[in-house]
PDB file of N, CA and C in Angstrom:
ATOM      1  N   VAL A   1      17.822   1.435 -53.366  1.00  0.00           N
ATOM      2  CA  VAL A   1      17.259   2.654 -53.551  1.00  0.00           C
ATOM      3  C   VAL A   1      18.999   3.348 -53.960  1.00  0.00           C
ATOM      4  N   GLN A   2      19.490   4.473 -54.127  1.00  0.00           N
ATOM      5  CA  GLN A   2      20.848   5.192 -53.915  1.00  0.00           C
ATOM      6  C   GLN A   2      20.455   6.326 -53.418  1.00  0.00           C
ATOM      7  N   LEU A   3      21.263   6.443 -53.016  1.00  0.00           N
ATOM      8  CA  LEU A   3      21.662   7.950 -51.735  1.00  0.00           C
ATOM      9  C   LEU A   3      22.687   8.389 -52.142  1.00  0.00           C
ATOM     10  N   GLN A   4      22.504  10.631 -52.015  1.00  0.00           N
ATOM     11  CA  GLN A   4      24.353  10.901 -52.650  1.00  0.00           C
ATOM     12  C   GLN A   4      23.600  11.559 -51.024  1.00  0.00           C
ATOM     13  N   ALA A   5      25.241  12.413 -50.343  1.00  0.00           N
ATOM     14  CA  ALA A   5      24.759  12.942 -50.152  1.00  0.00           C
ATOM     15  C   ALA A   5      25.927  14.458 -50.651  1.00  0.00           C
ATOM     16  N   SER A   6      25.531  15.547 -49.270  1.00  0.00           N
ATOM     17  CA  SER A   6      26.844  16.459 -49.968  1.00  0.00           C
ATOM     18  C   SER A   6      26.185  17.271 -48.188  1.00  0.00           C
ATOM     19  N   GLY A   7      26.817  18.747 -49.028  1.00  0.00           N
ATOM     20  CA  GLY A   7      26.810  19.646 -47.893  1.00  0.00           C
ATOM     21  C   GLY A   7      28.101  19.307 -47.216  1.00  0.00           C
ATOM     22  N   GLY A   8      28.565  18.192 -47.439  1.00  0.00           N
ATOM     23  CA  GLY A   8      29.533  18.942 -46.037  1.00  0.00           C
ATOM     24  C   GLY A   8      31.039  20.006 -46.893  1.00  0.00           C
ATOM     25  N   GLY A   9      31.821  20.532 -45.424  1.00  0.00           N
ATOM     26  CA  GLY A   9      32.785  21.134 -45.972  1.00  0.00           C
ATOM     27  C   GLY A   9      33.852  21.448 -44.586  1.00  0.00           C
ATOM     28  N   LEU A  10      34.678  22.628 -44.552  1.00  0.00           N
ATOM     29  CA  LEU A  10      35.523  23.067 -43.531  1.00  0.00           C
ATOM     30  C   LEU A  10      34.540  24.678 -42.983  1.00  0.00           C
ATOM     31  N   VAL A  11      34.853  23.869 -41.728  1.00  0.00           N
ATOM     32  CA  VAL A  11      34.108  24.896 -41.029  1.00  0.00           C
ATOM     33  C   VAL A  11      34.839  25.130 -39.612  1.00  0.00           C
ATOM     34  N   GLN A  12      34.184  26.975 -38.790  1.00  0.00           N
ATOM     35  CA  GLN A  12      34.805  26.710 -37.112  1.00  0.00           C
ATOM     36  C   GLN A  12      33.784  26.241 -36.460  1.00  0.00           C
ATOM     37  N   ALA A  13      34.314  26.020 -35.296  1.00  0.00           N
ATOM     38  CA  ALA A  13      33.927  25.802 -34.463  1.00  0.00           C
ATOM     39  C   ALA A  13      32.686  26.741 -33.619  1.00  0.00           C
ATOM     40  N   GLY A  14      31.872  25.959 -33.753  1.00  0.00           N
ATOM     41  CA  GLY A  14      30.078  27.250 -33.501  1.00  0.00           C
ATOM     42  C   GLY A  14      29.727  27.512 -34.550  1.00  0.00           C
ATOM     43  N   ASP A  15      30.567  27.144 -36.237  1.00  0.00           N
ATOM     44  CA  ASP A  15      29.763  26.973 -36.957  1.00  0.00           C
ATOM     45  C   ASP A  15      28.510  26.467 -37.911  1.00  0.00           C
ATOM     46  N   SER A  16      27.223  26.819 -38.972  1.00  0.00           N
ATOM     47  CA  SER A  16      26.717  25.289 -38.973  1.00  0.00           C
ATOM     48  C   SER A  16      26.900  25.221 -41.002  1.00  0.00           C
ATOM     49  N   LEU A  17      26.090  23.641 -40.732  1.00  0.00           N
ATOM     50  CA  LEU A  17      26.253  22.941 -42.447  1.00  0.00           C
ATOM     51  C   LEU A  17      25.334  22.381 -41.980  1.00  0.00           C
ATOM     52  N   ARG A  18      24.630  22.554 -43.640  1.00  0.00           N
ATOM     53  CA  ARG A  18      22.906  21.611 -43.952  1.00  0.00           C
ATOM     54  C   ARG A  18      23.675  20.207 -44.031  1.00  0.00           C
ATOM     55  N   LEU A  19      23.116  18.965 -44.452  1.00  0.00           N
ATOM     56  CA  LEU A  19      23.859  18.488 -44.598  1.00  0.00           C
ATOM     57  C   LEU A  19      22.572  17.362 -45.282  1.00  0.00           C
ATOM     58  N   SER A  20      22.260  17.454 -46.597  1.00  0.00           N
ATOM     59  CA  SER A  20      21.480  16.427 -47.793  1.00  0.00           C
ATOM     60  C   SER A  20      21.515  15.582 -48.436  1.00  0.00           C
ATOM     61  N   CYS A  21      20.421  14.486 -48.511  1.00  0.00           N
ATOM     62  CA  CYS A  21      20.375  13.075 -48.622  1.00  0.00           C
ATOM     63  C   CYS A  21      19.414  13.102 -49.929  1.00  0.00           C
ATOM     64  N   ALA A  22      20.242  12.730 -51.081  1.00  0.00           N
ATOM     65  CA  ALA A  22      19.319  12.974 -52.040  1.00  0.00           C
ATOM     66  C   ALA A  22      19.055  11.239 -52.591  1.00  0.00           C
ATOM     67  N   ALA A  23      17.568  10.799 -52.287  1.00  0.00           N
ATOM     68  CA  ALA A  23      17.693   9.123 -52.327  1.00  0.00           C
ATOM     69  C   ALA A  23      17.235   9.357 -54.317  1.00  0.00           C
ATOM     70  N   SER A  24      17.158   8.408 -54.569  1.00  0.00           N
ATOM     71  CA  SER A  24      16.514   8.052 -56.091  1.00  0.00           C
ATOM     72  C   SER A  24      16.357   6.473 -56.245  1.00  0.00           C
ATOM     73  N   GLY A  25      15.284   5.652 -57.151  1.00  0.00           N
ATOM     74  CA  GLY A  25      15.252   4.056 -57.114  1.00  0.00           C
ATOM     75  C   GLY A  25      14.817   3.669 -56.522  1.00  0.00           C
ATOM     76  N   GLY A  26      14.324   4.196 -55.583  1.00  0.00           N
ATOM     77  CA  GLY A  26      13.117   3.638 -54.328  1.00  0.00           C
ATOM     78  C   GLY A  26      12.019   5.000 -53.646  1.00  0.00           C
ATOM     79  N   THR A  27      10.903   4.094 -53.445  1.00  0.00           N
ATOM     80  CA  THR A  27       9.369   4.954 -52.974  1.00  0.00           C
ATOM     81  C   THR A  27      10.422   5.423 -51.872  1.00  0.00           C
ATOM     82  N   PHE A  28      10.163   6.472 -52.133  1.00  0.00           N
ATOM     83  CA  PHE A  28      11.187   6.775 -50.728  1.00  0.00           C
ATOM     84  C   PHE A  28      10.615   7.045 -48.800  1.00  0.00           C
ATOM     85  N   THR A  29       9.484   6.709 -49.763  1.00  0.00           N
ATOM     86  CA  THR A  29       7.846   7.102 -48.705  1.00  0.00           C
ATOM     87  C   THR A  29       7.673   6.161 -47.694  1.00  0.00           C
ATOM     88  N   SER A  30       8.788   4.307 -48.316  1.00  0.00           N
ATOM     89  CA  SER A  30       8.881   3.480 -47.479  1.00  0.00           C
ATOM     90  C   SER A  30       9.954   3.227 -46.850  1.00  0.00           C
ATOM     91  N   TYR A  31      11.245   4.114 -46.988  1.00  0.00           N
ATOM     92  CA  TYR A  31      12.338   4.304 -46.394  1.00  0.00           C
ATOM     93  C   TYR A  31      12.214   5.092 -44.574  1.00  0.00           C
ATOM     94  N   ALA A  32      12.443   4.224 -43.963  1.00  0.00           N
ATOM     95  CA  ALA A  32      13.241   5.422 -42.176  1.00  0.00           C
ATOM     96  C   ALA A  32      14.703   5.885 -42.962  1.00  0.00           C
ATOM     97  N   MET A  33      14.898   7.374 -42.364  1.00  0.00           N
ATOM     98  CA  MET A  33      16.845   7.669 -43.138  1.00  0.00           C
ATOM     99  C   MET A  33      17.468   7.558 -41.229  1.00  0.00           C
ATOM    100  N   ALA A  34      18.809   8.303 -41.381  1.00  0.00           N
ATOM    101  CA  ALA A  34      19.152   8.533 -40.898  1.00  0.00           C
ATOM    102  C   ALA A  34      20.657   8.465 -41.075  1.00  0.00           C
ATOM    103  N   TRP A  35      21.725   9.240 -40.349  1.00  0.00           N
ATOM    104  CA  TRP A  35      22.208   9.851 -40.633  1.00  0.00           C
ATOM    105  C   TRP A  35      23.814   9.245 -39.434  1.00  0.00           C
ATOM    106  N   PHE A  36      24.269   8.756 -40.081  1.00  0.00           N
ATOM    107  CA  PHE A  36      25.666   8.401 -39.520  1.00  0.00           C
ATOM    108  C   PHE A  36      27.191   9.249 -39.738  1.00  0.00           C
ATOM    109  N   ARG A  37      28.626   8.710 -38.927  1.00  0.00           N
ATOM    110  CA  ARG A  37      29.416   9.617 -39.035  1.00  0.00           C
ATOM    111  C   ARG A  37      30.785   8.212 -38.525  1.00  0.00           C
ATOM    112  N   GLN A  38      32.059   8.175 -38.730  1.00  0.00           N
ATOM    113  CA  GLN A  38      33.064   7.950 -38.712  1.00  0.00           C
ATOM    114  C   GLN A  38      34.297   8.645 -39.196  1.00  0.00           C
ATOM    115  N   ALA A  39      34.873   9.447 -37.456  1.00  0.00           N
ATOM    116  CA  ALA A  39      35.963  10.229 -37.390  1.00  0.00           C
ATOM    117  C   ALA A  39      37.111   9.043 -38.081  1.00  0.00           C
ATOM    118  N   ALA A  40      38.497   9.298 -38.598  1.00  0.00           N
ATOM    119  CA  ALA A  40      39.720   8.859 -38.736  1.00  0.00           C
ATOM    120  C   ALA A  40      39.934   7.892 -37.407  1.00  0.00           C
ATOM    121  N   GLY A  41      39.776   6.666 -37.549  1.00  0.00           N
ATOM    122  CA  GLY A  41      40.074   5.678 -36.867  1.00  0.00           C
ATOM    123  C   GLY A  41      38.868   5.144 -35.275  1.00  0.00           C
ATOM    124  N   LYS A  42      37.853   5.546 -35.658  1.00  0.00           N
ATOM    125  CA  LYS A  42      37.343   5.632 -34.633  1.00  0.00           C
ATOM    126  C   LYS A  42      36.329   4.958 -36.394  1.00  0.00           C
ATOM    127  N   GLU A  43      35.153   3.975 -34.851  1.00  0.00           N
ATOM    128  CA  GLU A  43      33.997   3.320 -35.496  1.00  0.00           C
ATOM    129  C   GLU A  43      32.960   4.659 -36.013  1.00  0.00           C
ATOM    130  N   ARG A  44      31.645   3.502 -36.988  1.00  0.00           N
ATOM    131  CA  ARG A  44      30.661   4.219 -37.855  1.00  0.00           C
ATOM    132  C   ARG A  44      29.706   4.891 -36.100  1.00  0.00           C
ATOM    133  N   GLU A  45      29.452   5.033 -36.053  1.00  0.00           N
ATOM    134  CA  GLU A  45      27.716   6.123 -35.072  1.00  0.00           C
ATOM    135  C   GLU A  45      26.517   6.843 -35.816  1.00  0.00           C
ATOM    136  N   PHE A  46      25.682   6.232 -34.425  1.00  0.00           N
ATOM    137  CA  PHE A  46      25.134   6.496 -34.782  1.00  0.00           C
ATOM    138  C   PHE A  46      24.473   8.110 -34.458  1.00  0.00           C
ATOM    139  N   VAL A  47      23.844   9.204 -34.989  1.00  0.00           N
ATOM    140  CA  VAL A  47      23.380  10.725 -35.636  1.00  0.00           C
ATOM    141  C   VAL A  47      22.252  10.905 -34.679  1.00  0.00           C
ATOM    142  N   ALA A  48      21.560  10.143 -35.952  1.00  0.00           N
ATOM    143  CA  ALA A  48      20.249  11.149 -36.259  1.00  0.00           C
ATOM    144  C   ALA A  48      19.570   9.891 -37.385  1.00  0.00           C
ATOM    145  N   ALA A  49      17.711  10.166 -36.289  1.00  0.00           N
ATOM    146  CA  ALA A  49      16.998   9.074 -37.195  1.00  0.00           C
ATOM    147  C   ALA A  49      15.974   9.150 -37.164  1.00  0.00           C
ATOM    148  N   ILE A  50      15.307   9.642 -38.596  1.00  0.00           N
ATOM    149  CA  ILE A  50      14.023   9.249 -38.880  1.00  0.00           C
ATOM    150  C   ILE A  50      12.558   8.824 -38.933  1.00  0.00           C
ATOM    151  N   SER A  51      11.824   7.978 -38.930  1.00  0.00           N
ATOM    152  CA  SER A  51      10.591   8.038 -39.676  1.00  0.00           C
ATOM    153  C   SER A  51      10.419   8.387 -41.000  1.00  0.00           C
ATOM    154  N   ARG A  52       9.473   7.264 -41.476  1.00  0.00           N
ATOM    155  CA  ARG A  52       8.565   7.447 -42.701  1.00  0.00           C
ATOM    156  C   ARG A  52       8.586   8.431 -43.528  1.00  0.00           C
ATOM    157  N   SER A  53       7.560   8.757 -42.273  1.00  0.00           N
ATOM    158  CA  SER A  53       6.285   9.857 -42.259  1.00  0.00           C
ATOM    159  C   SER A  53       7.085  11.302 -41.627  1.00  0.00           C
ATOM    160  N   GLY A  54       8.311  10.942 -41.187  1.00  0.00           N
ATOM    161  CA  GLY A  54       8.865  12.073 -40.570  1.00  0.00           C
ATOM    162  C   GLY A  54       8.671  12.286 -39.279  1.00  0.00           C
ATOM    163  N   GLY A  55       7.591  11.513 -38.138  1.00  0.00           N
ATOM    164  CA  GLY A  55       6.517  12.024 -36.785  1.00  0.00           C
ATOM    165  C   GLY A  55       7.336  11.549 -36.439  1.00  0.00           C
ATOM    166  N   SER A  56       8.386  10.686 -35.795  1.00  0.00           N
ATOM    167  CA  SER A  56       9.723  10.058 -35.411  1.00  0.00           C
ATOM    168  C   SER A  56      10.463  11.193 -35.324  1.00  0.00           C
ATOM    169  N   THR A  57      11.647  11.482 -34.994  1.00  0.00           N
ATOM    170  CA  THR A  57      12.894  11.522 -34.633  1.00  0.00           C
ATOM    171  C   THR A  57      13.706  10.622 -33.408  1.00  0.00           C
ATOM    172  N   TYR A  58      14.883  10.522 -33.807  1.00  0.00           N
ATOM    173  CA  TYR A  58      15.915   9.974 -32.571  1.00  0.00           C
ATOM    174  C   TYR A  58      17.449  10.825 -32.807  1.00  0.00           C
ATOM    175  N   TYR A  59      17.481  11.183 -31.248  1.00  0.00           N
ATOM    176  CA  TYR A  59      19.244  11.715 -32.019  1.00  0.00           C
ATOM    177  C   TYR A  59      20.378  10.789 -30.863  1.00  0.00           C
ATOM    178  N   ALA A  60      22.044  11.261 -31.105  1.00  0.00           N
ATOM    179  CA  ALA A  60      22.496  11.033 -29.953  1.00  0.00           C
ATOM    180  C   ALA A  60      22.300  11.775 -29.202  1.00  0.00           C
ATOM    181  N   ASP A  61      22.990  11.503 -28.033  1.00  0.00           N
ATOM    182  CA  ASP A  61      22.123  12.512 -26.544  1.00  0.00           C
ATOM    183  C   ASP A  61      24.289  13.022 -27.309  1.00  0.00           C
ATOM    184  N   SER A  62      25.338  13.031 -27.837  1.00  0.00           N
ATOM    185  CA  SER A  62      26.120  14.188 -28.278  1.00  0.00           C
ATOM    186  C   SER A  62      26.121  15.287 -29.292  1.00  0.00           C
ATOM    187  N   VAL A  63      24.693  14.975 -29.626  1.00  0.00           N
ATOM    188  CA  VAL A  63      23.750  16.265 -31.511  1.00  0.00           C
ATOM    189  C   VAL A  63      23.412  16.252 -30.268  1.00  0.00           C
ATOM    190  N   LYS A  64      22.037  15.877 -29.991  1.00  0.00           N
ATOM    191  CA  LYS A  64      21.144  16.109 -29.112  1.00  0.00           C
ATOM    192  C   LYS A  64      20.976  17.701 -28.589  1.00  0.00           C
ATOM    193  N   GLY A  65      19.813  18.877 -29.179  1.00  0.00           N
ATOM    194  CA  GLY A  65      19.295  19.861 -28.827  1.00  0.00           C
ATOM    195  C   GLY A  65      20.404  20.880 -29.973  1.00  0.00           C
ATOM    196  N   ARG A  66      21.739  20.502 -31.273  1.00  0.00           N
ATOM    197  CA  ARG A  66      22.359  20.975 -31.572  1.00  0.00           C
ATOM    198  C   ARG A  66      22.199  20.070 -33.499  1.00  0.00           C
ATOM    199  N   PHE A  67      21.756  19.769 -33.917  1.00  0.00           N
ATOM    200  CA  PHE A  67      21.535  19.191 -34.912  1.00  0.00           C
ATOM    201  C   PHE A  67      20.430  18.907 -34.813  1.00  0.00           C
ATOM    202  N   THR A  68      19.587  18.701 -36.437  1.00  0.00           N
ATOM    203  CA  THR A  68      18.265  18.324 -36.768  1.00  0.00           C
ATOM    204  C   THR A  68      17.811  17.980 -37.720  1.00  0.00           C
ATOM    205  N   ILE A  69      17.824  16.528 -37.485  1.00  0.00           N
ATOM    206  CA  ILE A  69      17.029  15.465 -38.779  1.00  0.00           C
ATOM    207  C   ILE A  69      15.792  16.119 -39.346  1.00  0.00           C
ATOM    208  N   SER A  70      15.670  16.190 -40.780  1.00  0.00           N
ATOM    209  CA  SER A  70      14.065  16.381 -41.051  1.00  0.00           C
ATOM    210  C   SER A  70      14.017  15.758 -43.155  1.00  0.00           C
ATOM    211  N   ARG A  71      12.799  16.033 -43.280  1.00  0.00           N
ATOM    212  CA  ARG A  71      12.577  14.838 -44.737  1.00  0.00           C
ATOM    213  C   ARG A  71      11.777  15.805 -45.388  1.00  0.00           C
ATOM    214  N   ASP A  72      12.313  15.765 -46.794  1.00  0.00           N
ATOM    215  CA  ASP A  72      11.491  16.647 -47.528  1.00  0.00           C
ATOM    216  C   ASP A  72      10.926  15.524 -48.555  1.00  0.00           C
ATOM    217  N   ASN A  73       9.655  14.470 -48.586  1.00  0.00           N
ATOM    218  CA  ASN A  73       9.079  13.421 -49.160  1.00  0.00           C
ATOM    219  C   ASN A  73       9.254  14.070 -50.407  1.00  0.00           C
ATOM    220  N   ALA A  74       8.528  14.909 -50.855  1.00  0.00           N
ATOM    221  CA  ALA A  74       7.965  15.574 -51.872  1.00  0.00           C
ATOM    222  C   ALA A  74       9.099  15.655 -53.242  1.00  0.00           C
ATOM    223  N   LYS A  75      10.496  15.655 -52.871  1.00  0.00           N
ATOM    224  CA  LYS A  75      12.046  16.122 -52.998  1.00  0.00           C
ATOM    225  C   LYS A  75      12.592  14.536 -52.543  1.00  0.00           C
ATOM    226  N   ASN A  76      12.351  13.427 -52.454  1.00  0.00           N
ATOM    227  CA  ASN A  76      13.060  12.203 -51.775  1.00  0.00           C
ATOM    228  C   ASN A  76      14.399  12.942 -51.569  1.00  0.00           C
ATOM    229  N   THR A  77      14.276  13.907 -50.241  1.00  0.00           N
ATOM    230  CA  THR A  77      15.819  14.636 -49.327  1.00  0.00           C
ATOM    231  C   THR A  77      15.600  14.326 -47.994  1.00  0.00           C
ATOM    232  N   VAL A  78      16.727  14.456 -47.485  1.00  0.00           N
ATOM    233  CA  VAL A  78      16.269  13.839 -46.642  1.00  0.00           C
ATOM    234  C   VAL A  78      17.246  14.814 -45.868  1.00  0.00           C
ATOM    235  N   LEU A  79      17.577  15.321 -44.559  1.00  0.00           N
ATOM    236  CA  LEU A  79      18.896  16.646 -44.933  1.00  0.00           C
ATOM    237  C   LEU A  79      18.864  16.254 -42.926  1.00  0.00           C
ATOM    238  N   LEU A  80      19.967  17.057 -42.313  1.00  0.00           N
ATOM    239  CA  LEU A  80      20.895  17.029 -41.178  1.00  0.00           C
ATOM    240  C   LEU A  80      21.545  18.407 -41.225  1.00  0.00           C
ATOM    241  N   GLN A  81      20.247  19.320 -40.130  1.00  0.00           N
ATOM    242  CA  GLN A  81      21.226  20.650 -39.639  1.00  0.00           C
ATOM    243  C   GLN A  81      22.091  20.309 -38.907  1.00  0.00           C
ATOM    244  N   THR A  82      23.199  21.205 -38.920  1.00  0.00           N
ATOM    245  CA  THR A  82      24.452  20.760 -37.659  1.00  0.00           C
ATOM    246  C   THR A  82      24.590  23.068 -37.541  1.00  0.00           C
ATOM    247  N   ASN A  83      23.688  23.083 -35.776  1.00  0.00           N
ATOM    248  CA  ASN A  83      24.254  24.241 -35.455  1.00  0.00           C
ATOM    249  C   ASN A  83      25.524  23.472 -34.337  1.00  0.00           C
ATOM    250  N   SER A  84      26.402  24.793 -33.776  1.00  0.00           N
ATOM    251  CA  SER A  84      26.879  24.978 -32.881  1.00  0.00           C
ATOM    252  C   SER A  84      27.996  23.482 -33.056  1.00  0.00           C
ATOM    253  N   LEU A  85      29.009  24.028 -34.304  1.00  0.00           N
ATOM    254  CA  LEU A  85      29.772  22.562 -34.406  1.00  0.00           C
ATOM    255  C   LEU A  85      31.020  22.587 -33.498  1.00  0.00           C
ATOM    256  N   LYS A  86      31.278  21.927 -33.403  1.00  0.00           N
ATOM    257  CA  LYS A  86      32.666  21.434 -32.183  1.00  0.00           C
ATOM    258  C   LYS A  86      34.156  20.804 -33.004  1.00  0.00           C
ATOM    259  N   PRO A  87      34.664  20.760 -32.495  1.00  0.00           N
ATOM    260  CA  PRO A  87      35.701  20.070 -33.449  1.00  0.00           C
ATOM    261  C   PRO A  87      35.315  18.460 -33.428  1.00  0.00           C
ATOM    262  N   GLY A  88      35.043  18.214 -32.001  1.00  0.00           N
ATOM    263  CA  GLY A  88      34.603  16.970 -31.916  1.00  0.00           C
ATOM    264  C   GLY A  88      33.526  15.843 -32.951  1.00  0.00           C
ATOM    265  N   ASP A  89      32.700  16.757 -34.119  1.00  0.00           N
ATOM    266  CA  ASP A  89      32.142  16.493 -34.613  1.00  0.00           C
ATOM    267  C   ASP A  89      32.638  16.311 -35.713  1.00  0.00           C
ATOM    268  N   THR A  90      34.163  16.335 -35.862  1.00  0.00           N
ATOM    269  CA  THR A  90      34.407  16.255 -37.603  1.00  0.00           C
ATOM    270  C   THR A  90      34.762  14.991 -37.639  1.00  0.00           C
ATOM    271  N   ALA A  91      33.915  14.797 -38.938  1.00  0.00           N
ATOM    272  CA  ALA A  91      33.958  13.256 -39.997  1.00  0.00           C
ATOM    273  C   ALA A  91      33.723  12.935 -41.161  1.00  0.00           C
ATOM    274  N   VAL A  92      33.348  12.127 -41.397  1.00  0.00           N
ATOM    275  CA  VAL A  92      32.615  12.065 -42.923  1.00  0.00           C
ATOM    276  C   VAL A  92      31.307  10.751 -42.232  1.00  0.00           C
ATOM    277  N   TYR A  93      30.551  11.842 -43.133  1.00  0.00           N
ATOM    278  CA  TYR A  93      28.871  11.701 -42.646  1.00  0.00           C
ATOM    279  C   TYR A  93      27.969  11.061 -43.568  1.00  0.00           C
ATOM    280  N   TYR A  94      27.447  10.125 -42.986  1.00  0.00           N
ATOM    281  CA  TYR A  94      26.952   8.981 -43.899  1.00  0.00           C
ATOM    282  C   TYR A  94      25.346   9.264 -43.619  1.00  0.00           C
ATOM    283  N   CYS A  95      24.942   9.245 -44.864  1.00  0.00           N
ATOM    284  CA  CYS A  95      23.322   9.107 -44.769  1.00  0.00           C
ATOM    285  C   CYS A  95      22.743   7.550 -45.003  1.00  0.00           C
ATOM    286  N   ALA A  96      21.914   6.981 -44.189  1.00  0.00           N
ATOM    287  CA  ALA A  96      21.268   4.978 -44.209  1.00  0.00           C
ATOM    288  C   ALA A  96      19.713   5.592 -44.722  1.00  0.00           C
ATOM    289  N   ALA A  97      19.796   4.103 -45.433  1.00  0.00           N
ATOM    290  CA  ALA A  97      18.024   4.045 -45.307  1.00  0.00           C
ATOM    291  C   ALA A  97      17.454   2.906 -44.650  1.00  0.00           C
ATOM    292  N   ARG A  98      16.635   2.724 -45.098  1.00  0.00           N
ATOM    293  CA  ARG A  98      15.502   0.995 -44.259  1.00  0.00           C
ATOM    294  C   ARG A  98      14.147   0.863 -44.573  1.00  0.00           C
ATOM    295  N   TYR A  99      14.571  -0.428 -45.975  1.00  0.00           N
ATOM    296  CA  TYR A  99      12.644  -0.285 -45.859  1.00  0.00           C
ATOM    297  C   TYR A  99      12.480  -0.963 -44.716  1.00  0.00           C
ATOM    298  N   THR A 100      11.215  -0.010 -44.454  1.00  0.00           N
ATOM    299  CA  THR A 100       9.887  -0.361 -44.021  1.00  0.00           C
ATOM    300  C   THR A 100       8.519  -1.131 -44.234  1.00  0.00           C
ATOM    301  N   PRO A 101       8.411  -1.364 -43.810  1.00  0.00           N
ATOM    302  CA  PRO A 101       6.027  -1.006 -43.162  1.00  0.00           C
ATOM    303  C   PRO A 101       6.025  -0.548 -42.647  1.00  0.00           C
ATOM    304  N   GLY A 102       7.120  -0.133 -41.140  1.00  0.00           N
ATOM    305  CA  GLY A 102       6.711   0.550 -39.483  1.00  0.00           C
ATOM    306  C   GLY A 102       6.911   2.074 -39.735  1.00  0.00           C
ATOM    307  N   TYR A 103       6.413   2.606 -38.845  1.00  0.00           N
ATOM    308  CA  TYR A 103       7.218   3.942 -38.834  1.00  0.00           C
ATOM    309  C   TYR A 103       8.313   4.232 -37.577  1.00  0.00           C
ATOM    310  N   THR A 104       8.339   3.120 -36.914  1.00  0.00           N
ATOM    311  CA  THR A 104       9.887   3.258 -35.668  1.00  0.00           C
ATOM    312  C   THR A 104      10.962   3.793 -36.611  1.00  0.00           C
ATOM    313  N   VAL A 105      11.842   4.197 -35.453  1.00  0.00           N
ATOM    314  CA  VAL A 105      13.338   5.009 -36.136  1.00  0.00           C
ATOM    315  C   VAL A 105      14.452   3.768 -35.840  1.00  0.00           C
ATOM    316  N   TYR A 106      15.406   3.724 -36.006  1.00  0.00           N
ATOM    317  CA  TYR A 106      16.009   3.023 -35.949  1.00  0.00           C
ATOM    318  C   TYR A 106      18.020   3.958 -36.327  1.00  0.00           C
ATOM    319  N   TYR A 107      18.385   3.180 -34.729  1.00  0.00           N
ATOM    320  CA  TYR A 107      19.676   3.518 -35.022  1.00  0.00           C
ATOM    321  C   TYR A 107      21.197   2.827 -34.680  1.00  0.00           C
ATOM    322  N   SER A 108      21.357   1.806 -35.088  1.00  0.00           N
ATOM    323  CA  SER A 108      22.246   0.997 -34.854  1.00  0.00           C
ATOM    324  C   SER A 108      22.182   0.999 -36.746  1.00  0.00           C
ATOM    325  N   VAL A 109      24.021   0.687 -37.104  1.00  0.00           N
ATOM    326  CA  VAL A 109      24.297   0.356 -38.231  1.00  0.00           C
ATOM    327  C   VAL A 109      24.121  -0.436 -39.173  1.00  0.00           C
ATOM    328  N   SER A 110      23.811  -1.359 -37.749  1.00  0.00           N
ATOM    329  CA  SER A 110      23.565  -3.444 -38.368  1.00  0.00           C
ATOM    330  C   SER A 110      21.757  -3.076 -39.345  1.00  0.00           C
ATOM    331  N   ASP A 111      21.073  -2.161 -39.038  1.00  0.00           N
ATOM    332  CA  ASP A 111      19.283  -2.197 -39.098  1.00  0.00           C
ATOM    333  C   ASP A 111      19.356  -1.293 -40.616  1.00  0.00           C
ATOM    334  N   TYR A 112      20.369  -0.968 -40.841  1.00  0.00           N
ATOM    335  CA  TYR A 112      19.887  -0.300 -42.335  1.00  0.00           C
ATOM    336  C   TYR A 112      21.025  -1.251 -43.621  1.00  0.00           C
ATOM    337  N   ALA A 113      20.593  -1.154 -44.495  1.00  0.00           N
ATOM    338  CA  ALA A 113      21.131  -1.917 -45.846  1.00  0.00           C
ATOM    339  C   ALA A 113      21.435  -0.817 -46.654  1.00  0.00           C
ATOM    340  N   TYR A 114      21.603   0.316 -46.635  1.00  0.00           N
ATOM    341  CA  TYR A 114      21.941   1.301 -48.118  1.00  0.00           C
ATOM    342  C   TYR A 114      22.209   2.722 -47.247  1.00  0.00           C
ATOM    343  N   TRP A 115      23.127   2.930 -48.191  1.00  0.00           N
ATOM    344  CA  TRP A 115      24.232   3.856 -47.258  1.00  0.00           C
ATOM    345  C   TRP A 115      24.831   4.761 -48.470  1.00  0.00           C
ATOM    346  N   GLY A 116      24.791   6.164 -48.030  1.00  0.00           N
ATOM    347  CA  GLY A 116      25.721   6.729 -48.800  1.00  0.00           C
ATOM    348  C   GLY A 116      26.869   6.683 -49.261  1.00  0.00           C
ATOM    349  N   GLN A 117      27.556   7.283 -50.086  1.00  0.00           N
ATOM    350  CA  GLN A 117      29.211   7.683 -50.402  1.00  0.00           C
ATOM    351  C   GLN A 117      29.916   7.891 -48.844  1.00  0.00           C
ATOM    352  N   GLY A 118      29.031   9.337 -48.282  1.00  0.00           N
ATOM    353  CA  GLY A 118      29.612   9.982 -47.453  1.00  0.00           C
ATOM    354  C   GLY A 118      30.376  11.746 -47.927  1.00  0.00           C
ATOM    355  N   THR A 119      30.098  12.375 -47.384  1.00  0.00           N
ATOM    356  CA  THR A 119      30.364  13.594 -46.507  1.00  0.00           C
ATOM    357  C   THR A 119      31.084  14.285 -45.566  1.00  0.00           C
ATOM    358  N   GLN A 120      32.571  14.734 -45.955  1.00  0.00           N
ATOM    359  CA  GLN A 120      33.703  15.061 -45.369  1.00  0.00           C
ATOM    360  C   GLN A 120      32.829  16.646 -44.720  1.00  0.00           C
ATOM    361  N   VAL A 121      32.742  16.590 -43.482  1.00  0.00           N
ATOM    362  CA  VAL A 121      33.342  17.934 -41.979  1.00  0.00           C
ATOM    363  C   VAL A 121      34.204  17.835 -41.391  1.00  0.00           C
ATOM    364  N   THR A 122      34.701  18.940 -41.726  1.00  0.00           N
ATOM    365  CA  THR A 122      35.600  19.547 -40.661  1.00  0.00           C
ATOM    366  C   THR A 122      35.565  20.656 -39.828  1.00  0.00           C
ATOM    367  N   VAL A 123      36.039  20.146 -38.899  1.00  0.00           N
ATOM    368  CA  VAL A 123      35.470  21.545 -38.589  1.00  0.00           C
ATOM    369  C   VAL A 123      36.577  22.111 -37.362  1.00  0.00           C
ATOM    370  N   SER A 124      37.453  23.318 -37.707  1.00  0.00           N
ATOM    371  CA  SER A 124      37.593  23.575 -37.357  1.00  0.00           C
ATOM    372  C   SER A 124      38.426  24.485 -35.280  1.00  0.00           C
ATOM    373  N   SER A 125      39.007  24.214 -34.666  1.00  0.00           N
ATOM    374  CA  SER A 125      38.834  25.220 -33.202  1.00  0.00           C
ATOM    375  C   SER A 125      38.880  26.187 -33.322  1.00  0.00           C
TER     376      SER A 125
END
């Protein structure tokens, strides 16, 4: 599966962005999906994950209550709605996919085999 992330930009603290990840080349409903981010000089970290059906989601504590992950299986797209953005949210955001027969959500970098190219989110104070 190929992944293409978009929707990043430069915003002010408190603003919102909606990140989108379009999938192609695979059966989208066979993949658990997630968003990760990587700030300059830091390791890639988990942000949010969603199961194949969309029925289960999981969030990093740092974004819980501010970010929402969702998927549209008819459009082969996973979204990340980011609200109340903070300067600490500044990073390159990556979408990821894991082929799975089950409905578990996964939250480790090593759980995912397929990655998009990333979209930059910059939050100014």
